[in-house]
Amino acid sequence: MVLPLELAVVGALATGLLALAAVISGALTRSAGVVAAAFGLVIVILGGFPYLALLVLFVVASVLATRYGFEEKQRRHVQEGTAGERGVWNVVAHIVLPTALVLGFALAAGDVALPPLLPLLYTAALAFGAADTFASEFGVLSGKAWGILSLRPVEPGTNGGVSVLGTLWAFTGAATTAIVGWLLFVVFRAPVLDAGFAITVALLSGFLACQVDSLLGALLENRGVLTKGSTNFLAMLSSIGIAFLLFEALGSIV
């Protein structure tokens, strides 16, 4: 369902201002801010405010995680960008699929209310984003890391490297996003699935997809077959796929 004109205008203004704030604060480059605003506009107009709100909270959490211990990250040369900013391809990798979900479901639903499957898949996508960001930004500060395939010690921040700290933060990111996402959809009165089921599925999907990201990093990104952005894109796609499979397998018994 498309937002009424008055709410669409409010949503558009909010999206533009939030993107501008992200650019001014140094969280996004100018071009990344434009891309984020364009995709965010589609999300809020076709999905509604809970979808935009969850996206904004994800971005804010990512910025805070990126800037945590930034001097130490700079010292180790594992920081994001030159000053913690995220560029166009990083934004695209994390926002294309959530936008595509909202767009696809909106086109299929027409004037009918969006189905509860959309919030589940959307939350699962961003649960991966949070899990991956938290694992990377906090895990890189860990003193020890191991290759996910070789199990041999590697430098923290290595593609395919995992650590206890990073894994714990990946779980935290996925869990927090799953819980906050469900609550947002309830507050904004969007159709949602059972709380326990929806939160568990989104959490598991995001966390498992974070491990898929590490596997892709070890197998393909380290060999130059994939870029960081394409690795993130495919891992987020796997999160959506896992959530859908769990919904199909277990949704009927909830």
Protein backbone atom coordinates (compact mmCIF):
# COMPACT_ATOMS: atom_id res chain seq x y z
CA MET A 1 0.00 0.00 0.00
CA VAL A 2 1.29 3.45 -0.90
CA LEU A 3 1.27 6.02 1.88
CA PRO A 4 -1.35 8.80 1.64
CA LEU A 5 0.04 11.97 0.08
CA GLU A 6 0.40 13.84 3.39
CA LEU A 7 2.29 11.00 5.05
CA ALA A 8 4.35 10.43 1.90
CA VAL A 9 5.53 14.05 2.02
CA VAL A 10 6.45 13.67 5.70
CA GLY A 11 8.28 10.44 4.93
CA ALA A 12 10.15 12.01 2.03
CA LEU A 13 11.24 14.98 4.14
CA ALA A 14 12.32 12.70 7.00
CA THR A 15 14.31 10.50 4.63
CA GLY A 16 16.05 13.46 3.04
CA LEU A 17 16.91 15.05 6.38
CA LEU A 18 18.23 11.78 7.80
CA ALA A 19 20.43 11.23 4.75
CA LEU A 20 21.70 14.80 5.00
CA ALA A 21 22.49 14.31 8.69
CA ALA A 22 24.41 11.15 7.84
CA VAL A 23 26.51 13.05 5.29
CA ILE A 24 27.13 16.03 7.59
CA SER A 25 28.15 13.73 10.45
CA GLY A 26 30.62 11.97 8.19
CA ALA A 27 28.81 8.62 8.37
CA LEU A 28 28.21 8.58 4.59
CA THR A 29 29.93 10.17 1.63
CA ARG A 30 27.83 12.64 -0.37
CA SER A 31 27.13 10.19 -3.15
CA ALA A 32 26.28 7.47 -0.63
CA GLY A 33 23.89 9.88 1.06
CA VAL A 34 22.09 10.51 -2.23
CA VAL A 35 21.79 6.77 -2.86
CA ALA A 36 20.54 6.14 0.68
CA ALA A 37 17.93 8.90 0.32
CA ALA A 38 16.67 7.53 -3.00
CA PHE A 39 16.27 3.97 -1.73
CA GLY A 40 14.90 5.17 1.60
CA LEU A 41 12.24 7.14 -0.23
CA VAL A 42 11.01 4.00 -1.98
CA ILE A 43 10.99 2.11 1.32
CA VAL A 44 8.99 4.67 3.30
CA ILE A 45 6.44 5.45 0.58
CA LEU A 46 5.71 1.84 -0.36
CA GLY A 47 6.30 0.20 3.02
CA GLY A 48 5.67 2.79 5.66
CA PHE A 49 7.42 4.26 8.66
CA PRO A 50 8.36 1.04 10.52
CA TYR A 51 10.51 -0.03 7.56
CA LEU A 52 12.27 3.34 7.45
CA ALA A 53 12.67 3.41 11.22
CA LEU A 54 14.35 0.00 11.33
CA LEU A 55 16.66 1.00 8.49
CA VAL A 56 17.61 4.23 10.28
CA LEU A 57 18.31 2.40 13.54
CA PHE A 58 20.49 -0.06 11.64
CA VAL A 59 22.47 2.81 10.11
CA VAL A 60 22.87 4.54 13.48
CA ALA A 61 24.04 1.32 15.16
CA SER A 62 26.47 0.69 12.29
CA VAL A 63 27.95 4.18 12.63
CA LEU A 64 28.43 3.78 16.38
CA ALA A 65 30.05 0.38 15.89
CA THR A 66 32.30 1.76 13.15
CA ARG A 67 33.52 4.61 15.34
CA TYR A 68 34.10 2.48 18.40
CA GLY A 69 37.83 2.13 18.99
CA PHE A 70 38.46 3.98 15.74
CA GLU A 71 41.96 5.13 16.63
CA GLU A 72 43.00 1.55 17.29
CA LYS A 73 41.43 0.47 14.00
CA GLN A 74 43.37 3.20 12.20
CA ARG A 75 46.56 2.06 13.87
CA ARG A 76 45.96 -1.46 12.55
CA HIS A 77 44.81 -0.13 9.14
CA VAL A 78 41.46 -1.96 9.37
CA GLN A 79 39.17 1.07 9.60
CA GLU A 80 36.19 1.71 7.31
CA GLY A 81 37.06 4.41 4.75
CA THR A 82 39.48 7.10 5.80
CA ALA A 83 37.46 8.48 8.70
CA GLY A 84 34.79 5.84 9.24
CA GLU A 85 32.59 6.97 6.35
CA ARG A 86 30.79 4.47 4.14
CA GLY A 87 30.70 4.83 0.38
CA VAL A 88 28.17 4.13 -2.35
CA TRP A 89 28.88 0.44 -2.83
CA ASN A 90 28.74 -0.29 0.88
CA VAL A 91 25.34 1.40 1.07
CA VAL A 92 24.08 -0.31 -2.08
CA ALA A 93 25.14 -3.75 -0.81
CA HIS A 94 23.03 -3.30 2.33
CA ILE A 95 20.01 -1.44 0.99
CA VAL A 96 19.19 -2.92 -2.44
CA LEU A 97 17.64 -6.13 -1.13
CA PRO A 98 15.53 -4.53 1.64
CA THR A 99 14.25 -2.04 -0.94
CA ALA A 100 13.57 -4.80 -3.46
CA LEU A 101 11.56 -6.69 -0.85
CA VAL A 102 9.36 -3.70 -0.09
CA LEU A 103 8.95 -2.85 -3.78
CA GLY A 104 8.16 -6.41 -4.79
CA PHE A 105 5.61 -7.01 -2.05
CA ALA A 106 3.99 -3.60 -2.65
CA LEU A 107 3.56 -4.31 -6.36
CA ALA A 108 2.15 -7.77 -5.63
CA ALA A 109 -0.22 -6.55 -2.91
CA GLY A 110 -1.58 -3.53 -4.77
CA ASP A 111 -4.20 -1.87 -2.55
CA VAL A 112 -4.22 -4.78 -0.11
CA ALA A 113 -2.31 -4.56 3.18
CA LEU A 114 1.25 -5.87 3.00
CA PRO A 115 1.48 -9.47 4.27
CA PRO A 116 3.27 -10.35 7.55
CA LEU A 117 5.94 -12.26 5.61
CA LEU A 118 7.45 -8.96 4.43
CA PRO A 119 8.38 -7.66 7.92
CA LEU A 120 9.96 -11.05 8.66
CA LEU A 121 12.15 -11.09 5.54
CA TYR A 122 12.97 -7.38 5.82
CA THR A 123 14.03 -7.77 9.45
CA ALA A 124 16.08 -10.87 8.58
CA ALA A 125 17.95 -8.88 5.91
CA LEU A 126 18.85 -6.10 8.32
CA ALA A 127 19.60 -8.63 11.08
CA PHE A 128 22.37 -9.91 8.84
CA GLY A 129 23.55 -6.35 8.21
CA ALA A 130 23.80 -5.69 11.94
CA ALA A 131 25.41 -9.07 12.66
CA ASP A 132 28.02 -8.56 9.95
CA THR A 133 28.79 -4.97 10.95
CA PHE A 134 29.04 -5.75 14.66
CA ALA A 135 31.17 -8.85 14.01
CA SER A 136 33.53 -6.85 11.81
CA GLU A 137 33.76 -3.63 13.78
CA PHE A 138 34.07 -5.20 17.23
CA GLY A 139 35.72 -8.46 16.22
CA VAL A 140 38.55 -6.63 14.49
CA LEU A 141 39.61 -5.36 17.93
CA SER A 142 39.90 -8.92 19.21
CA GLY A 143 43.37 -10.13 19.94
CA LYS A 144 42.81 -13.51 18.28
CA ALA A 145 41.03 -14.74 15.16
CA TRP A 146 40.93 -18.00 13.21
CA GLY A 147 40.19 -18.81 9.59
CA ILE A 148 36.65 -20.17 9.35
CA LEU A 149 37.86 -22.99 7.07
CA SER A 150 41.45 -23.61 8.11
CA LEU A 151 40.92 -22.91 11.83
CA ARG A 152 44.44 -21.51 11.79
CA PRO A 153 45.26 -18.19 13.48
CA VAL A 154 44.83 -15.16 11.21
CA GLU A 155 45.04 -11.43 11.71
CA PRO A 156 41.78 -9.94 13.04
CA GLY A 157 40.02 -8.29 10.10
CA THR A 158 41.11 -10.94 7.60
CA ASN A 159 38.36 -12.01 5.18
CA GLY A 160 36.96 -15.28 6.48
CA GLY A 161 38.44 -14.72 9.92
CA VAL A 162 36.27 -15.33 12.97
CA SER A 163 36.78 -14.66 16.65
CA VAL A 164 34.90 -15.36 19.86
CA LEU A 165 34.30 -11.65 20.40
CA GLY A 166 33.13 -11.12 16.83
CA THR A 167 30.79 -14.12 16.97
CA LEU A 168 29.22 -12.90 20.20
CA TRP A 169 28.69 -9.47 18.69
CA ALA A 170 27.23 -11.02 15.54
CA PHE A 171 24.65 -12.79 17.68
CA THR A 172 23.98 -9.57 19.59
CA GLY A 173 23.46 -7.59 16.39
CA ALA A 174 21.09 -10.15 14.91
CA ALA A 175 19.14 -10.56 18.16
CA THR A 176 18.79 -6.83 18.78
CA THR A 177 17.60 -6.17 15.24
CA ALA A 178 15.12 -9.05 15.40
CA ILE A 179 13.60 -7.81 18.67
CA VAL A 180 13.56 -4.11 17.78
CA GLY A 181 12.19 -4.88 14.32
CA TRP A 182 9.27 -6.89 15.67
CA LEU A 183 8.48 -4.18 18.23
CA LEU A 184 8.55 -1.45 15.58
CA PHE A 185 6.10 -3.29 13.37
CA VAL A 186 3.79 -3.82 16.35
CA VAL A 187 3.97 -0.16 17.38
CA PHE A 188 3.17 0.98 13.84
CA ARG A 189 0.41 -1.67 13.63
CA ALA A 190 1.87 -3.52 10.67
CA PRO A 191 0.78 -7.16 10.22
CA VAL A 192 3.27 -9.37 12.06
CA LEU A 193 3.78 -13.03 12.85
CA ASP A 194 3.92 -14.54 16.34
CA ALA A 195 6.60 -12.77 18.40
CA GLY A 196 8.61 -15.83 19.36
CA PHE A 197 8.59 -17.25 15.86
CA ALA A 198 9.36 -13.98 14.05
CA ILE A 199 12.18 -12.96 16.40
CA THR A 200 13.77 -16.41 16.41
CA VAL A 201 13.66 -16.73 12.61
CA ALA A 202 15.10 -13.26 12.02
CA LEU A 203 17.82 -13.83 14.62
CA LEU A 204 18.85 -17.23 13.24
CA SER A 205 18.75 -16.02 9.64
CA GLY A 206 20.90 -12.97 10.33
CA PHE A 207 23.41 -14.87 12.47
CA LEU A 208 23.77 -17.81 10.06
CA ALA A 209 24.09 -15.46 7.09
CA CYS A 210 26.97 -13.76 8.90
CA GLN A 211 28.76 -17.11 8.84
CA VAL A 212 27.92 -17.41 5.13
CA ASP A 213 29.60 -14.03 4.69
CA SER A 214 32.75 -15.36 6.34
CA LEU A 215 32.71 -18.47 4.15
CA LEU A 216 32.31 -16.39 0.99
CA GLY A 217 35.12 -14.14 2.19
CA ALA A 218 37.44 -17.09 2.70
CA LEU A 219 36.51 -18.96 -0.47
CA LEU A 220 35.92 -16.22 -3.03
CA GLU A 221 36.69 -12.71 -1.78
CA ASN A 222 40.26 -13.59 -0.81
CA ARG A 223 40.77 -14.90 -4.35
CA GLY A 224 39.42 -11.74 -5.97
CA VAL A 225 36.28 -13.44 -7.29
CA LEU A 226 34.03 -11.31 -5.09
CA THR A 227 34.33 -7.81 -3.70
CA LYS A 228 33.37 -6.84 -0.17
CA GLY A 229 30.11 -5.38 -1.49
CA SER A 230 29.15 -8.44 -3.50
CA THR A 231 30.00 -10.69 -0.57
CA ASN A 232 27.70 -8.66 1.67
CA PHE A 233 24.96 -8.72 -0.98
CA LEU A 234 25.06 -12.50 -1.39
CA ALA A 235 25.19 -13.09 2.36
CA MET A 236 22.17 -10.81 2.89
CA LEU A 237 20.37 -12.72 0.14
CA SER A 238 21.12 -15.93 2.03
CA SER A 239 19.60 -14.41 5.18
CA ILE A 240 16.39 -13.68 3.31
CA GLY A 241 16.45 -17.18 1.83
CA ILE A 242 16.97 -18.84 5.22
CA ALA A 243 14.12 -16.82 6.73
CA PHE A 244 11.81 -17.78 3.87
CA LEU A 245 12.68 -21.47 4.15
CA LEU A 246 12.07 -21.42 7.91
CA PHE A 247 8.76 -19.65 7.34
CA GLU A 248 7.71 -22.25 4.78
CA ALA A 249 8.82 -25.15 6.95
CA LEU A 250 7.56 -23.97 10.31
CA GLY A 251 5.12 -21.13 9.71
CA SER A 252 2.09 -23.42 9.42
CA ILE A 253 2.65 -24.93 12.87
CA VAL A 254 3.03 -21.63 14.74
